[in-house]
N, C-alpha and C. Protein backbone atom coordinates (compact mmCIF):
# COMPACT_ATOMS: atom_id res chain seq x y z
N MET A 1 12.03 -2.47 -12.39
CA MET A 1 12.12 -1.01 -10.87
C MET A 1 10.41 -1.58 -10.66
N LYS A 2 9.57 -1.41 -12.31
CA LYS A 2 7.98 -1.98 -11.26
C LYS A 2 7.73 -2.79 -11.29
N THR A 3 8.39 -4.05 -10.86
CA THR A 3 7.58 -5.06 -10.18
C THR A 3 8.51 -4.78 -8.44
N ALA A 4 9.87 -3.67 -8.22
CA ALA A 4 9.96 -4.23 -7.28
C ALA A 4 8.95 -3.48 -5.98
N PHE A 5 7.64 -2.69 -6.07
CA PHE A 5 7.23 -2.39 -4.70
C PHE A 5 5.67 -2.75 -5.21
N ILE A 6 5.85 -3.78 -6.35
CA ILE A 6 4.26 -4.25 -6.57
C ILE A 6 3.27 -4.48 -4.86
N TYR A 7 3.98 -5.24 -4.00
CA TYR A 7 3.19 -5.70 -2.93
C TYR A 7 3.42 -4.22 -1.71
N THR A 8 4.21 -3.82 -1.94
CA THR A 8 4.98 -2.54 -0.76
C THR A 8 3.50 -2.01 0.05
N ASP A 9 2.93 -1.46 -0.81
CA ASP A 9 1.96 -0.76 -0.42
C ASP A 9 0.97 -0.85 0.76
N ALA A 10 0.34 -2.37 -0.43
CA ALA A 10 -0.85 -3.02 0.93
C ALA A 10 0.40 -3.46 2.25
N TYR A 11 1.27 -3.93 1.78
CA TYR A 11 2.21 -4.51 3.16
C TYR A 11 1.94 -3.14 4.22
N LEU A 12 2.30 -1.90 4.05
CA LEU A 12 2.63 -0.62 4.50
C LEU A 12 1.20 -0.87 5.26
N ASP A 13 0.29 -0.59 4.61
CA ASP A 13 -1.64 -0.87 4.63
C ASP A 13 -1.63 -1.05 5.94
N ALA A 14 -1.41 -2.54 5.85
CA ALA A 14 -1.67 -3.53 6.16
C ALA A 14 -0.80 -3.88 7.35
N PHE A 15 0.40 -3.35 8.07
CA PHE A 15 0.86 -3.55 9.17
C PHE A 15 1.57 -2.36 9.79
N HIS A 16 1.32 -0.97 8.92
CA HIS A 16 1.66 0.10 9.75
C HIS A 16 3.09 0.47 10.32
N PRO A 17 3.36 0.14 10.14
CA PRO A 17 5.38 -0.10 10.31
C PRO A 17 5.42 1.87 11.08
N ASP A 18 6.83 1.74 12.76
CA ASP A 18 6.75 2.74 13.11
C ASP A 18 7.87 3.13 12.21
N VAL A 19 8.54 2.33 11.54
CA VAL A 19 9.78 2.48 11.49
C VAL A 19 10.12 1.35 9.92
N VAL A 20 10.50 2.27 8.86
CA VAL A 20 10.86 0.92 8.17
C VAL A 20 12.80 1.22 8.00
N ALA A 21 13.49 0.19 7.62
CA ALA A 21 14.73 0.29 7.72
C ALA A 21 14.92 -0.45 6.91
N THR A 22 16.05 -0.61 5.46
CA THR A 22 16.91 -0.74 4.85
C THR A 22 18.18 -1.06 4.98
N GLN A 23 18.57 -1.88 3.59
CA GLN A 23 19.74 -2.34 3.97
C GLN A 23 20.31 -2.10 2.94
N LEU A 24 21.56 -0.99 2.46
CA LEU A 24 21.79 -0.24 1.28
C LEU A 24 23.21 -0.48 0.60
N GLY A 25 22.66 -2.26 0.60
CA GLY A 25 24.53 -2.39 -0.37
C GLY A 25 24.41 -2.07 -1.95
N VAL A 26 25.65 -2.51 -2.57
CA VAL A 26 25.79 -2.07 -3.94
C VAL A 26 25.67 -3.07 -5.07
N ASP A 27 25.49 -4.38 -4.27
CA ASP A 27 25.65 -5.12 -4.99
C ASP A 27 24.80 -5.32 -6.13
N THR A 28 23.76 -4.49 -6.13
CA THR A 28 22.12 -4.49 -7.53
C THR A 28 22.77 -3.56 -8.73
N PHE A 29 23.88 -2.96 -8.08
CA PHE A 29 24.47 -1.97 -8.89
C PHE A 29 25.17 -2.38 -10.38
N TYR A 30 25.09 -2.17 -11.32
CA TYR A 30 25.28 -2.76 -12.98
C TYR A 30 26.74 -3.40 -12.79
N ASN A 31 27.74 -2.90 -12.01
CA ASN A 31 28.82 -3.34 -12.93
C ASN A 31 29.60 -4.14 -11.41
N ASP A 32 28.47 -4.30 -10.51
CA ASP A 32 29.22 -5.41 -9.31
C ASP A 32 29.23 -6.81 -9.81
N PRO A 33 30.64 -7.26 -9.50
CA PRO A 33 30.56 -8.59 -9.78
C PRO A 33 30.25 -9.66 -9.69
N LEU A 34 29.56 -9.78 -8.36
CA LEU A 34 28.66 -10.93 -7.79
C LEU A 34 27.07 -11.20 -8.22
N THR A 35 27.06 -9.76 -8.83
CA THR A 35 25.65 -10.06 -9.14
C THR A 35 25.08 -9.55 -10.71
N ASN A 36 24.40 -9.92 -11.37
CA ASN A 36 23.22 -9.66 -12.41
C ASN A 36 22.64 -8.67 -12.61
N LEU A 37 22.45 -7.51 -11.41
CA LEU A 37 21.17 -7.10 -10.97
C LEU A 37 21.13 -6.00 -12.27
N HIS A 38 22.08 -4.86 -12.34
CA HIS A 38 22.54 -3.62 -13.26
C HIS A 38 21.47 -2.49 -12.87
N LEU A 39 21.61 -2.46 -11.63
CA LEU A 39 20.80 -1.41 -11.37
C LEU A 39 21.26 -0.10 -11.46
N SER A 40 21.11 1.15 -12.66
CA SER A 40 21.85 2.13 -12.74
C SER A 40 21.35 3.65 -11.27
N ILE A 41 22.25 4.01 -11.58
CA ILE A 41 22.77 5.55 -10.20
C ILE A 41 20.65 6.25 -10.93
N LEU A 42 20.60 5.94 -12.37
CA LEU A 42 19.06 6.70 -11.55
C LEU A 42 18.14 5.64 -11.30
N GLY A 43 18.14 4.03 -11.32
CA GLY A 43 17.33 3.56 -10.74
C GLY A 43 17.78 3.50 -9.41
N TYR A 44 18.93 3.43 -8.97
CA TYR A 44 18.97 3.83 -7.50
C TYR A 44 18.50 5.13 -6.75
N GLU A 45 18.26 6.24 -7.63
CA GLU A 45 17.50 7.17 -7.47
C GLU A 45 16.14 6.87 -7.16
N ARG A 46 15.65 6.26 -8.05
CA ARG A 46 13.97 6.54 -7.85
C ARG A 46 13.75 5.68 -7.15
N VAL A 47 14.09 4.48 -6.29
CA VAL A 47 14.39 2.99 -5.79
C VAL A 47 14.38 3.88 -4.07
N LEU A 48 15.11 5.15 -3.54
CA LEU A 48 15.09 5.83 -2.43
C LEU A 48 14.27 6.96 -2.45
N LYS A 49 13.90 7.19 -3.74
CA LYS A 49 12.88 7.99 -3.79
C LYS A 49 11.55 7.39 -3.27
N ARG A 50 11.23 6.31 -4.16
CA ARG A 50 9.79 5.51 -3.58
C ARG A 50 9.76 5.17 -2.15
N ILE A 51 10.65 4.70 -1.73
CA ILE A 51 10.87 3.65 -0.31
C ILE A 51 10.55 5.52 0.50
N LYS A 52 11.20 7.02 0.16
CA LYS A 52 10.92 7.96 1.03
C LYS A 52 9.73 8.25 0.98
N ASP A 53 8.73 8.09 0.06
CA ASP A 53 7.50 8.48 -0.25
C ASP A 53 6.48 7.10 0.87
N LEU A 54 7.25 5.85 0.81
CA LEU A 54 6.14 5.54 1.43
C LEU A 54 6.48 5.27 3.08
N ALA A 55 7.49 5.65 3.88
CA ALA A 55 7.61 5.29 5.35
C ALA A 55 7.89 6.04 6.04
N THR A 56 7.18 6.04 6.30
CA THR A 56 6.84 7.90 7.52
C THR A 56 7.81 8.23 8.02
N ARG A 57 9.23 7.08 8.54
CA ARG A 57 10.72 7.48 9.36
C ARG A 57 11.18 6.23 8.49
N TRP A 58 12.39 6.53 8.21
CA TRP A 58 13.18 5.70 7.54
C TRP A 58 14.30 5.42 7.65
N VAL A 59 15.14 4.05 8.59
CA VAL A 59 16.60 4.16 8.61
C VAL A 59 17.07 3.35 7.32
N ALA A 60 18.42 3.56 6.96
CA ALA A 60 18.96 2.90 5.55
C ALA A 60 20.18 2.69 6.80
N PHE A 61 20.72 1.64 6.60
CA PHE A 61 22.31 0.78 6.79
C PHE A 61 23.14 0.48 4.88
N PRO A 62 24.19 1.23 5.87
CA PRO A 62 25.43 0.68 4.42
C PRO A 62 25.54 -1.01 4.09
């Protein structure tokens, strides 16, 4: 997660989006058989809180 948002602040400052849209599948989850990304529930919580802090308006798709 430390590197996930390295450029995000700069991009949001440069583009000033009206809304941020995310696709929130579970391929990153720690036991997903298709990937080896190993994101925990705590990791998801941190990512979602960070997006909420960065986005003025946010739309999340499953």
